[in-house]
N, C-alpha and C. Protein backbone atom coordinates (compact mmCIF):
# COMPACT_ATOMS: atom_id res chain seq x y z
N VAL A 1 30.00 19.18 -37.27
CA VAL A 1 30.35 18.34 -36.00
C VAL A 1 30.24 19.28 -34.90
N ALA A 2 30.61 20.56 -35.08
CA ALA A 2 30.48 21.44 -34.00
C ALA A 2 29.04 21.81 -33.75
N LEU A 3 28.31 21.95 -34.75
CA LEU A 3 27.06 22.30 -34.68
C LEU A 3 26.18 21.30 -33.84
N LEU A 4 26.43 19.98 -34.24
CA LEU A 4 25.86 18.98 -33.71
C LEU A 4 25.98 18.66 -32.24
N SER A 5 27.34 19.00 -32.05
CA SER A 5 28.01 18.83 -30.49
C SER A 5 27.15 20.10 -29.82
N LEU A 6 26.82 21.10 -30.24
CA LEU A 6 26.26 22.30 -29.53
C LEU A 6 24.80 22.05 -29.46
N ALA A 7 24.13 21.43 -30.19
CA ALA A 7 22.81 21.13 -30.33
C ALA A 7 22.59 19.98 -29.37
N LEU A 8 23.41 18.98 -29.24
CA LEU A 8 23.30 17.99 -28.45
C LEU A 8 23.33 18.43 -27.08
N GLY A 9 24.50 19.27 -26.58
CA GLY A 9 24.93 19.84 -25.37
C GLY A 9 23.53 20.76 -24.76
N ILE A 10 22.95 21.66 -25.75
CA ILE A 10 21.99 22.54 -25.34
C ILE A 10 20.68 21.57 -25.06
N GLY A 11 20.42 20.64 -25.82
CA GLY A 11 19.47 19.58 -25.68
C GLY A 11 19.60 18.93 -24.46
N ALA A 12 20.67 18.39 -24.17
CA ALA A 12 20.61 17.53 -22.93
C ALA A 12 20.47 18.54 -21.56
N ASN A 13 21.25 19.80 -21.73
CA ASN A 13 20.83 20.85 -20.79
C ASN A 13 19.49 21.04 -20.32
N THR A 14 18.93 21.28 -21.47
CA THR A 14 17.37 21.58 -21.41
C THR A 14 16.61 20.45 -20.96
N ALA A 15 16.92 19.19 -21.10
CA ALA A 15 16.28 18.19 -20.75
C ALA A 15 16.50 18.03 -18.93
N VAL A 16 17.53 18.14 -18.66
CA VAL A 16 18.02 17.98 -17.19
C VAL A 16 17.41 19.35 -16.49
N LEU A 17 17.54 20.39 -16.85
CA LEU A 17 16.80 21.57 -16.36
C LEU A 17 15.09 21.40 -16.12
N GLY A 18 14.69 20.93 -17.32
CA GLY A 18 13.36 20.47 -17.33
C GLY A 18 12.71 19.44 -16.41
N VAL A 19 13.63 18.34 -16.07
CA VAL A 19 13.41 17.39 -15.03
C VAL A 19 13.41 18.10 -13.55
N MET A 20 14.55 18.99 -13.45
CA MET A 20 14.69 19.61 -12.38
C MET A 20 13.51 20.38 -11.89
N ALA A 21 13.20 21.13 -12.73
CA ALA A 21 11.97 22.11 -12.46
C ALA A 21 10.57 21.28 -12.33
N SER A 22 10.50 20.04 -12.99
CA SER A 22 9.47 19.33 -12.67
C SER A 22 9.43 18.84 -11.24
N ILE A 23 10.44 18.30 -10.75
CA ILE A 23 10.70 17.87 -9.52
C ILE A 23 10.50 18.92 -8.47
N GLU A 24 11.08 20.17 -8.70
CA GLU A 24 10.60 21.34 -7.77
C GLU A 24 9.33 21.67 -7.73
N ARG A 25 8.68 21.76 -8.99
CA ARG A 25 7.29 21.91 -8.96
C ARG A 25 6.46 20.95 -8.60
N ASP A 26 6.55 19.76 -8.57
CA ASP A 26 6.10 18.73 -8.11
C ASP A 26 6.22 18.11 -6.67
N SER A 27 7.10 18.85 -5.92
CA SER A 27 7.62 18.57 -4.70
C SER A 27 6.47 18.25 -3.67
N LEU A 28 6.59 17.36 -2.72
CA LEU A 28 5.57 17.06 -1.97
C LEU A 28 5.42 17.98 -0.84
N PRO A 29 4.04 18.16 -0.52
CA PRO A 29 3.67 19.18 0.45
C PRO A 29 3.87 18.71 1.81
N MET A 30 5.16 18.23 2.14
CA MET A 30 5.40 17.63 3.61
C MET A 30 6.72 17.92 4.06
N PRO A 31 6.98 18.03 5.50
CA PRO A 31 8.21 18.31 5.96
C PRO A 31 9.25 17.24 5.33
N ASP A 32 10.53 17.92 5.26
CA ASP A 32 11.66 17.15 4.69
C ASP A 32 11.41 16.05 3.56
N ALA A 33 10.64 16.47 2.49
CA ALA A 33 10.28 15.86 1.50
C ALA A 33 11.34 15.54 0.63
N ASP A 34 12.42 16.06 0.71
CA ASP A 34 13.73 15.90 -0.05
C ASP A 34 14.66 14.72 0.56
N ARG A 35 14.13 14.24 1.88
CA ARG A 35 14.70 12.95 2.28
C ARG A 35 13.86 11.78 2.18
N LEU A 36 12.81 11.78 1.32
CA LEU A 36 12.11 10.62 1.15
C LEU A 36 12.54 9.82 0.02
N VAL A 37 12.68 8.54 -0.12
CA VAL A 37 12.92 7.77 -1.15
C VAL A 37 11.77 6.53 -1.28
N VAL A 38 11.54 6.22 -2.40
CA VAL A 38 10.46 5.05 -2.62
C VAL A 38 11.29 3.96 -2.93
N LEU A 39 11.04 2.68 -2.32
CA LEU A 39 11.80 1.34 -2.70
C LEU A 39 10.99 0.81 -3.38
N ARG A 40 11.48 0.00 -4.60
CA ARG A 40 10.61 -0.96 -5.25
C ARG A 40 11.74 -2.06 -5.46
N SER A 41 11.17 -3.28 -5.85
CA SER A 41 11.92 -4.53 -6.02
C SER A 41 11.89 -4.80 -7.64
N THR A 42 12.76 -5.25 -8.45
CA THR A 42 12.71 -5.53 -9.60
C THR A 42 13.27 -7.06 -9.79
N SER A 43 13.17 -7.50 -11.14
CA SER A 43 13.59 -8.81 -11.23
C SER A 43 14.14 -8.69 -12.67
N SER A 44 14.88 -9.55 -13.12
CA SER A 44 15.56 -9.81 -14.37
C SER A 44 14.36 -9.95 -15.51
N GLU A 45 13.34 -10.36 -15.01
CA GLU A 45 12.36 -10.57 -16.15
C GLU A 45 11.75 -9.14 -16.35
N SER A 46 11.51 -8.45 -15.32
CA SER A 46 10.83 -7.14 -15.32
C SER A 46 11.47 -6.00 -14.63
N PRO A 47 12.84 -5.52 -15.37
CA PRO A 47 13.57 -4.38 -14.67
C PRO A 47 12.81 -3.29 -14.42
N ALA A 48 11.57 -2.99 -15.10
CA ALA A 48 11.04 -1.74 -14.69
C ALA A 48 10.74 -1.56 -13.31
N GLY A 49 10.65 -2.61 -12.78
CA GLY A 49 10.22 -2.55 -11.28
C GLY A 49 8.66 -2.73 -10.85
N ARG A 50 8.55 -3.40 -9.55
CA ARG A 50 7.20 -3.52 -9.16
C ARG A 50 7.05 -3.03 -7.84
N GLY A 51 5.93 -3.20 -7.10
CA GLY A 51 5.70 -3.07 -5.83
C GLY A 51 6.38 -4.14 -4.98
N VAL A 52 6.50 -3.85 -3.71
CA VAL A 52 7.32 -4.56 -2.75
C VAL A 52 6.25 -5.56 -2.04
N SER A 53 6.84 -6.89 -1.91
CA SER A 53 6.09 -7.94 -1.25
C SER A 53 5.95 -7.59 0.38
N ALA A 54 5.11 -7.87 0.97
CA ALA A 54 4.84 -7.84 2.55
C ALA A 54 6.00 -8.58 3.24
N GLY A 55 6.71 -9.62 2.69
CA GLY A 55 7.65 -10.13 3.19
C GLY A 55 9.07 -9.52 3.26
N ASP A 56 9.08 -8.88 1.99
CA ASP A 56 10.33 -8.00 1.77
C ASP A 56 10.42 -6.82 2.60
N TYR A 57 9.07 -6.11 2.74
CA TYR A 57 9.09 -4.86 3.53
C TYR A 57 9.64 -5.38 4.86
N LEU A 58 9.24 -6.37 5.53
CA LEU A 58 9.32 -6.73 6.81
C LEU A 58 10.75 -6.91 6.98
N ALA A 59 11.32 -7.56 6.03
CA ALA A 59 13.09 -7.85 6.13
C ALA A 59 13.64 -6.50 5.96
N TRP A 60 13.30 -5.72 4.99
CA TRP A 60 14.04 -4.30 4.99
C TRP A 60 13.79 -3.62 6.27
N LYS A 61 12.57 -3.54 6.81
CA LYS A 61 12.29 -3.03 7.93
C LYS A 61 13.32 -3.33 9.06
N GLU A 62 13.38 -4.67 9.11
CA GLU A 62 14.06 -5.30 10.24
C GLU A 62 15.65 -5.01 10.00
N ARG A 63 16.02 -5.11 9.08
CA ARG A 63 17.64 -5.14 8.62
C ARG A 63 18.34 -3.71 8.21
N ALA A 64 17.36 -2.95 7.58
CA ALA A 64 18.05 -1.53 6.91
C ALA A 64 18.41 -0.73 7.96
N GLN A 65 19.77 -0.34 7.91
CA GLN A 65 20.04 0.63 8.85
C GLN A 65 20.43 1.93 8.34
N GLY A 66 20.14 2.18 7.15
CA GLY A 66 20.57 3.63 6.39
C GLY A 66 19.14 4.42 6.34
N PHE A 67 18.04 3.96 6.98
CA PHE A 67 17.00 4.64 7.03
C PHE A 67 16.42 4.97 8.32
N ASP A 68 15.60 6.04 8.46
CA ASP A 68 15.02 6.32 9.78
C ASP A 68 13.85 5.66 10.00
N ALA A 69 13.21 5.26 8.92
CA ALA A 69 11.82 4.38 8.97
C ALA A 69 11.65 3.77 7.61
N ILE A 70 11.06 2.75 7.52
CA ILE A 70 10.44 2.27 6.39
C ILE A 70 9.10 1.68 6.61
N GLU A 71 8.10 2.41 5.86
CA GLU A 71 6.72 2.05 5.85
C GLU A 71 6.22 1.48 4.56
N LEU A 72 4.95 1.05 4.59
CA LEU A 72 4.51 0.39 3.39
C LEU A 72 3.03 0.87 3.14
N SER A 73 2.77 1.05 1.86
CA SER A 73 1.34 1.53 1.23
C SER A 73 1.04 0.63 0.08
N LEU A 74 -0.19 0.23 0.07
CA LEU A 74 -0.78 -0.60 -0.89
C LEU A 74 -1.99 0.17 -1.52
N SER A 75 -2.02 0.64 -2.68
CA SER A 75 -3.28 1.26 -3.35
C SER A 75 -4.14 0.13 -4.36
N GLY A 76 -5.48 0.47 -4.34
CA GLY A 76 -6.15 -0.37 -5.26
C GLY A 76 -7.53 0.05 -5.04
N PRO A 77 -8.47 -0.65 -6.06
CA PRO A 77 -9.69 -0.27 -6.22
C PRO A 77 -10.44 -0.84 -4.86
N ARG A 78 -11.36 -0.05 -4.38
CA ARG A 78 -12.08 -0.15 -3.32
C ARG A 78 -13.69 0.24 -3.54
N GLU A 79 -14.61 -0.30 -2.64
CA GLU A 79 -16.08 -0.03 -2.92
C GLU A 79 -16.37 0.66 -1.72
N LEU A 80 -17.20 1.79 -2.10
CA LEU A 80 -18.01 2.66 -0.94
C LEU A 80 -19.31 2.06 -1.31
N GLY A 81 -20.10 1.63 -0.11
CA GLY A 81 -21.34 1.11 -0.30
C GLY A 81 -22.44 2.20 -0.40
N ASP A 82 -23.75 1.79 -0.91
CA ASP A 82 -24.91 2.70 -1.12
C ASP A 82 -25.21 3.15 0.36
N GLU A 83 -25.43 4.37 0.42
CA GLU A 83 -26.03 5.14 1.91
C GLU A 83 -27.32 5.73 1.56
N GLY A 84 -28.11 5.42 0.70
CA GLY A 84 -29.40 6.01 0.48
C GLY A 84 -29.53 6.63 -1.03
N GLU A 85 -30.48 7.22 -1.11
CA GLU A 85 -30.89 7.87 -2.51
C GLU A 85 -29.90 8.95 -2.78
N ASP A 86 -29.41 9.71 -1.92
CA ASP A 86 -28.46 10.80 -2.22
C ASP A 86 -26.93 10.29 -2.41
N THR A 87 -26.62 9.24 -1.66
CA THR A 87 -25.32 8.70 -1.75
C THR A 87 -25.34 7.23 -2.15
N PRO A 88 -25.10 6.97 -3.50
CA PRO A 88 -25.20 5.90 -4.19
C PRO A 88 -23.75 5.12 -4.15
N ALA A 89 -23.75 3.88 -4.17
CA ALA A 89 -22.35 3.04 -4.00
C ALA A 89 -21.62 3.51 -5.14
N GLU A 90 -20.22 3.57 -4.75
CA GLU A 90 -19.11 3.99 -6.05
C GLU A 90 -17.73 3.14 -5.85
N ARG A 91 -17.33 2.99 -7.02
CA ARG A 91 -15.95 2.22 -6.89
C ARG A 91 -14.94 3.36 -6.94
N THR A 92 -14.01 3.18 -6.05
CA THR A 92 -12.89 4.39 -5.81
C THR A 92 -11.58 3.69 -5.48
N THR A 93 -10.59 4.57 -5.28
CA THR A 93 -9.18 4.09 -4.88
C THR A 93 -9.01 4.24 -3.51
N GLY A 94 -8.42 3.19 -2.90
CA GLY A 94 -8.32 3.31 -1.21
C GLY A 94 -6.71 2.82 -1.17
N GLN A 95 -6.21 3.27 -0.18
CA GLN A 95 -4.80 3.06 -0.01
C GLN A 95 -4.67 2.47 1.64
N ALA A 96 -4.04 1.27 1.82
CA ALA A 96 -3.92 0.66 3.00
C ALA A 96 -2.49 1.10 3.27
N VAL A 97 -2.34 1.65 4.63
CA VAL A 97 -0.83 2.08 4.96
C VAL A 97 -0.51 1.49 6.23
N SER A 98 0.93 1.21 6.65
CA SER A 98 1.25 0.65 7.85
C SER A 98 1.12 1.82 8.75
N ALA A 99 1.32 1.53 10.07
CA ALA A 99 1.00 2.44 11.16
C ALA A 99 1.72 3.69 11.07
N GLY A 100 3.05 3.54 10.84
CA GLY A 100 3.98 4.68 10.77
C GLY A 100 3.99 5.40 9.60
N PHE A 101 3.17 5.29 8.73
CA PHE A 101 3.24 5.87 7.33
C PHE A 101 2.97 7.39 7.53
N PHE A 102 1.96 7.77 7.95
CA PHE A 102 1.63 9.29 7.98
C PHE A 102 2.77 10.03 9.03
N PRO A 103 3.07 9.32 10.27
CA PRO A 103 4.06 10.06 11.04
C PRO A 103 5.32 10.22 10.25
N LEU A 104 5.62 9.33 9.55
CA LEU A 104 6.94 9.27 8.84
C LEU A 104 6.91 10.48 7.94
N LEU A 105 5.81 10.69 7.34
CA LEU A 105 5.52 11.76 6.20
C LEU A 105 5.60 13.23 6.95
N GLY A 106 5.13 13.20 8.51
CA GLY A 106 4.88 14.31 8.93
C GLY A 106 3.47 14.87 8.85
N ILE A 107 2.64 13.93 8.58
CA ILE A 107 1.22 14.44 8.19
C ILE A 107 0.26 14.08 9.22
N GLU A 108 -0.61 15.11 9.32
CA GLU A 108 -1.76 15.08 10.52
C GLU A 108 -3.00 15.37 9.70
N PRO A 109 -4.16 14.75 10.11
CA PRO A 109 -5.35 15.05 9.39
C PRO A 109 -5.85 16.60 9.86
N VAL A 110 -6.52 17.08 9.34
CA VAL A 110 -7.30 18.38 9.72
C VAL A 110 -8.31 18.30 10.64
N MET A 111 -8.90 16.83 10.62
CA MET A 111 -9.93 16.56 11.52
C MET A 111 -9.59 15.20 11.94
N GLY A 112 -9.95 15.04 13.43
CA GLY A 112 -9.84 13.74 13.60
C GLY A 112 -8.26 13.21 14.12
N ARG A 113 -8.08 12.17 13.70
CA ARG A 113 -6.61 11.54 14.12
C ARG A 113 -6.22 10.43 13.07
N LEU A 114 -4.91 10.10 13.49
CA LEU A 114 -4.33 8.99 12.48
C LEU A 114 -4.45 7.61 13.24
N PHE A 115 -4.02 6.69 12.51
CA PHE A 115 -4.20 5.02 13.07
C PHE A 115 -3.37 4.96 14.04
N THR A 116 -3.52 4.14 15.06
CA THR A 116 -2.85 3.73 15.96
C THR A 116 -2.18 2.31 15.56
N ALA A 117 -1.11 2.06 16.43
CA ALA A 117 -0.37 0.81 15.86
C ALA A 117 -1.22 -0.49 16.24
N GLU A 118 -2.14 -0.40 17.38
CA GLU A 118 -2.98 -1.34 17.76
C GLU A 118 -4.14 -1.83 16.61
N GLU A 119 -4.45 -0.50 15.96
CA GLU A 119 -5.54 -0.64 14.78
C GLU A 119 -4.95 -1.30 13.56
N ALA A 120 -3.49 -0.84 13.47
CA ALA A 120 -3.04 -1.58 12.22
C ALA A 120 -2.76 -3.11 12.65
N ARG A 121 -2.33 -3.39 13.91
CA ARG A 121 -2.24 -4.55 14.11
C ARG A 121 -3.43 -5.68 14.14
N THR A 122 -4.57 -5.15 14.51
CA THR A 122 -5.66 -5.97 14.47
C THR A 122 -6.44 -5.78 13.13
N SER A 123 -5.95 -4.96 12.27
CA SER A 123 -6.68 -4.72 10.99
C SER A 123 -7.98 -4.14 11.28
N ALA A 124 -8.26 -3.09 12.18
CA ALA A 124 -9.34 -2.58 12.65
C ALA A 124 -10.14 -1.76 11.39
N ARG A 125 -11.50 -1.81 11.43
CA ARG A 125 -12.29 -1.11 10.43
C ARG A 125 -12.42 0.22 10.53
N VAL A 126 -11.31 1.09 10.39
CA VAL A 126 -11.48 2.56 10.52
C VAL A 126 -10.75 3.10 9.15
N VAL A 127 -11.15 4.16 8.83
CA VAL A 127 -10.57 4.94 7.73
C VAL A 127 -10.46 6.42 7.82
N ILE A 128 -9.50 7.11 7.09
CA ILE A 128 -9.25 8.46 7.02
C ILE A 128 -9.65 8.74 5.64
N LEU A 129 -10.55 9.58 5.54
CA LEU A 129 -11.18 10.15 4.23
C LEU A 129 -10.27 11.37 3.68
N SER A 130 -10.14 11.39 2.31
CA SER A 130 -9.42 12.45 1.57
C SER A 130 -10.29 13.69 1.90
N HIS A 131 -10.03 14.74 1.51
CA HIS A 131 -10.95 16.21 1.77
C HIS A 131 -11.72 16.04 0.56
N GLY A 132 -11.23 15.71 -0.53
CA GLY A 132 -12.25 15.67 -1.86
C GLY A 132 -13.32 14.70 -1.67
N LEU A 133 -13.24 13.66 -1.02
CA LEU A 133 -14.22 12.59 -0.88
C LEU A 133 -15.09 13.06 0.18
N TRP A 134 -14.51 13.66 1.29
CA TRP A 134 -15.47 14.26 2.32
C TRP A 134 -16.44 15.37 1.93
N GLN A 135 -15.72 16.11 1.02
CA GLN A 135 -16.64 17.23 0.33
C GLN A 135 -17.62 16.70 -0.68
N ARG A 136 -17.17 15.80 -1.61
CA ARG A 136 -18.11 15.23 -2.55
C ARG A 136 -19.20 14.27 -2.23
N ARG A 137 -18.86 13.34 -1.47
CA ARG A 137 -19.77 12.45 -1.01
C ARG A 137 -20.76 12.68 0.40
N TYR A 138 -19.88 13.62 1.17
CA TYR A 138 -20.50 13.81 2.46
C TYR A 138 -20.85 15.27 2.71
N GLY A 139 -20.55 16.08 1.77
CA GLY A 139 -20.91 17.49 1.78
C GLY A 139 -19.99 18.35 2.88
N GLY A 140 -18.98 17.76 3.33
CA GLY A 140 -18.23 18.38 4.18
C GLY A 140 -18.77 18.45 5.51
N ASP A 141 -19.46 17.41 5.74
CA ASP A 141 -20.20 17.26 7.33
C ASP A 141 -19.09 16.99 8.32
N PRO A 142 -19.07 17.94 9.28
CA PRO A 142 -17.87 17.98 10.41
C PRO A 142 -18.43 16.73 11.28
N SER A 143 -19.51 16.24 11.35
CA SER A 143 -19.95 15.43 12.34
C SER A 143 -19.62 13.99 11.96
N LEU A 144 -19.07 13.77 10.73
CA LEU A 144 -18.87 12.48 9.97
C LEU A 144 -17.83 11.82 11.01
N VAL A 145 -16.83 12.32 11.55
CA VAL A 145 -15.57 11.68 12.12
C VAL A 145 -16.30 11.03 13.53
N ASN A 146 -15.76 9.85 13.50
CA ASN A 146 -16.61 8.86 14.55
C ASN A 146 -17.63 8.14 14.03
N ARG A 147 -18.40 8.51 12.86
CA ARG A 147 -19.32 7.74 12.38
C ARG A 147 -19.06 6.65 11.43
N GLN A 148 -19.79 5.65 11.28
CA GLN A 148 -19.61 4.42 10.32
C GLN A 148 -19.91 4.64 8.79
N VAL A 149 -19.22 4.23 7.83
CA VAL A 149 -19.68 4.30 6.62
C VAL A 149 -19.45 3.04 5.88
N PRO A 150 -20.12 2.80 4.79
CA PRO A 150 -19.98 1.48 4.21
C PRO A 150 -18.67 1.22 3.23
N VAL A 151 -17.72 0.41 3.62
CA VAL A 151 -16.46 0.22 2.90
C VAL A 151 -16.33 -1.21 2.57
N ASP A 152 -16.12 -1.65 1.36
CA ASP A 152 -15.93 -3.19 1.12
C ASP A 152 -16.97 -4.08 1.77
N ALA A 153 -18.06 -3.83 1.69
CA ALA A 153 -18.95 -4.78 2.09
C ALA A 153 -19.06 -4.77 3.70
N GLY A 154 -18.51 -3.88 4.25
CA GLY A 154 -18.66 -3.91 5.86
C GLY A 154 -18.70 -2.32 6.17
N ARG A 155 -18.69 -2.04 7.47
CA ARG A 155 -18.70 -0.68 7.94
C ARG A 155 -17.35 -0.31 8.62
N SER A 156 -17.04 1.04 8.26
CA SER A 156 -15.66 1.30 8.78
C SER A 156 -16.05 2.72 9.65
N THR A 157 -15.30 3.04 10.62
CA THR A 157 -15.48 4.28 11.13
C THR A 157 -14.54 5.20 10.87
N VAL A 158 -14.97 6.45 10.48
CA VAL A 158 -14.11 7.44 9.94
C VAL A 158 -13.47 7.98 11.05
N ILE A 159 -12.05 8.04 11.16
CA ILE A 159 -11.31 8.59 12.31
C ILE A 159 -10.68 9.89 11.93
N GLY A 160 -10.66 10.16 10.69
CA GLY A 160 -10.07 11.49 10.37
C GLY A 160 -10.30 12.02 8.81
N ILE A 161 -10.02 13.32 8.64
CA ILE A 161 -10.28 13.69 7.39
C ILE A 161 -8.86 14.57 6.97
N MET A 162 -8.21 14.28 5.89
CA MET A 162 -6.98 14.91 5.43
C MET A 162 -7.12 16.10 4.97
N ALA A 163 -6.16 17.10 4.83
CA ALA A 163 -6.22 18.18 4.45
C ALA A 163 -6.49 18.40 2.84
N ALA A 164 -7.01 19.50 2.40
CA ALA A 164 -7.41 19.32 1.02
C ALA A 164 -6.39 19.34 -0.06
N ASP A 165 -4.91 19.78 0.42
CA ASP A 165 -3.80 19.79 -0.21
C ASP A 165 -2.95 18.59 -0.27
N TYR A 166 -3.43 17.46 0.51
CA TYR A 166 -2.83 16.30 0.96
C TYR A 166 -2.73 15.33 -0.32
N SER A 167 -1.71 15.03 -1.02
CA SER A 167 -1.74 13.84 -1.79
C SER A 167 -0.31 13.23 -1.81
N TYR A 168 -0.30 11.86 -1.82
CA TYR A 168 1.04 11.29 -1.81
C TYR A 168 1.08 10.40 -3.00
N ARG A 169 1.67 10.72 -4.02
CA ARG A 169 1.97 9.79 -5.25
C ARG A 169 0.86 9.47 -5.99
N ASN A 170 -0.45 9.48 -5.36
CA ASN A 170 -1.54 9.06 -6.22
C ASN A 170 -2.70 9.95 -5.86
N PRO A 171 -3.09 11.02 -6.65
CA PRO A 171 -4.12 11.84 -6.31
C PRO A 171 -5.53 11.34 -6.38
N ARG A 172 -5.56 10.09 -6.94
CA ARG A 172 -7.01 9.57 -7.05
C ARG A 172 -7.37 8.68 -5.75
N VAL A 173 -6.56 8.55 -4.87
CA VAL A 173 -6.66 8.11 -3.53
C VAL A 173 -7.81 8.68 -2.70
N ASP A 174 -8.86 8.21 -2.41
CA ASP A 174 -9.99 8.82 -1.58
C ASP A 174 -9.91 8.53 -0.13
N PHE A 175 -9.32 7.40 0.22
CA PHE A 175 -9.19 7.18 1.67
C PHE A 175 -8.31 6.04 2.21
N TRP A 176 -7.76 6.14 3.24
CA TRP A 176 -6.76 5.38 3.82
C TRP A 176 -7.29 4.43 4.88
N SER A 177 -6.76 3.38 4.89
CA SER A 177 -7.07 2.23 5.92
C SER A 177 -5.89 1.47 6.67
N PRO A 178 -5.82 1.14 7.74
CA PRO A 178 -4.70 0.61 8.31
C PRO A 178 -4.21 -0.76 7.56
N LEU A 179 -2.94 -1.07 7.49
CA LEU A 179 -2.46 -2.12 6.74
C LEU A 179 -1.62 -2.85 8.01
N HIS A 180 -2.09 -4.21 7.94
CA HIS A 180 -1.34 -5.02 8.97
C HIS A 180 -0.50 -6.06 7.94
N VAL A 181 0.75 -6.19 8.54
CA VAL A 181 1.62 -7.22 7.89
C VAL A 181 2.09 -8.28 8.89
N PRO A 182 1.49 -9.25 8.90
CA PRO A 182 1.92 -10.28 9.98
C PRO A 182 3.39 -10.68 9.92
N PRO A 183 3.99 -10.69 11.22
CA PRO A 183 5.31 -10.79 11.23
C PRO A 183 5.93 -11.99 10.82
N SER A 184 5.11 -12.96 10.46
CA SER A 184 5.62 -14.48 10.09
C SER A 184 5.56 -14.44 8.46
N THR A 185 5.29 -13.24 7.87
CA THR A 185 5.26 -13.22 6.31
C THR A 185 6.42 -13.34 5.80
N PRO A 186 6.97 -14.39 4.90
CA PRO A 186 8.36 -14.80 4.44
C PRO A 186 8.70 -13.63 3.41
N PRO A 187 10.00 -13.43 3.32
CA PRO A 187 10.26 -12.48 2.00
C PRO A 187 9.89 -13.10 0.85
N GLY A 188 9.31 -12.23 -0.09
CA GLY A 188 8.83 -12.61 -1.41
C GLY A 188 7.33 -12.90 -1.44
N GLY A 189 6.67 -12.94 -0.16
CA GLY A 189 5.47 -13.59 0.12
C GLY A 189 4.44 -12.24 0.37
């Protein structure tokens, strides 16, 4: 019994220290990262959790008093169109973010600028590229900012390039676009 208790205690201690080392090692490269939380909703049918509906986001943003800010992001598959022989179409991952998302994280692009509230409100066709996509697809061309690129069967203006070390929760995200949530969206919707 003593040996089993000792083994369980050492195992539990090692697991806790391993998790703490993982959190420290994977800490986010942004100011005040230790103050960030991710909110998810759950149901009794799926207690593992899921994303948050746009309506729930608006309700939380309006009513929550224990947070400095609440912002929303939605990742998913996106299409970059064909730009000629050297730049074929590709399916990638994009992330739509609310206007205050990057300011909340204390993140600025290394080139260009962030989305404005007006661009989010009007769902403007603008994008911020990851450093990796900028290098891989456009050869690191500094004149790409303010040019249009084919995104999702339309054209979007590149307004910024993120730093090489920026990644938030999904390192596969290649670009960001503004996310508008209409104020009339009901909770759960």
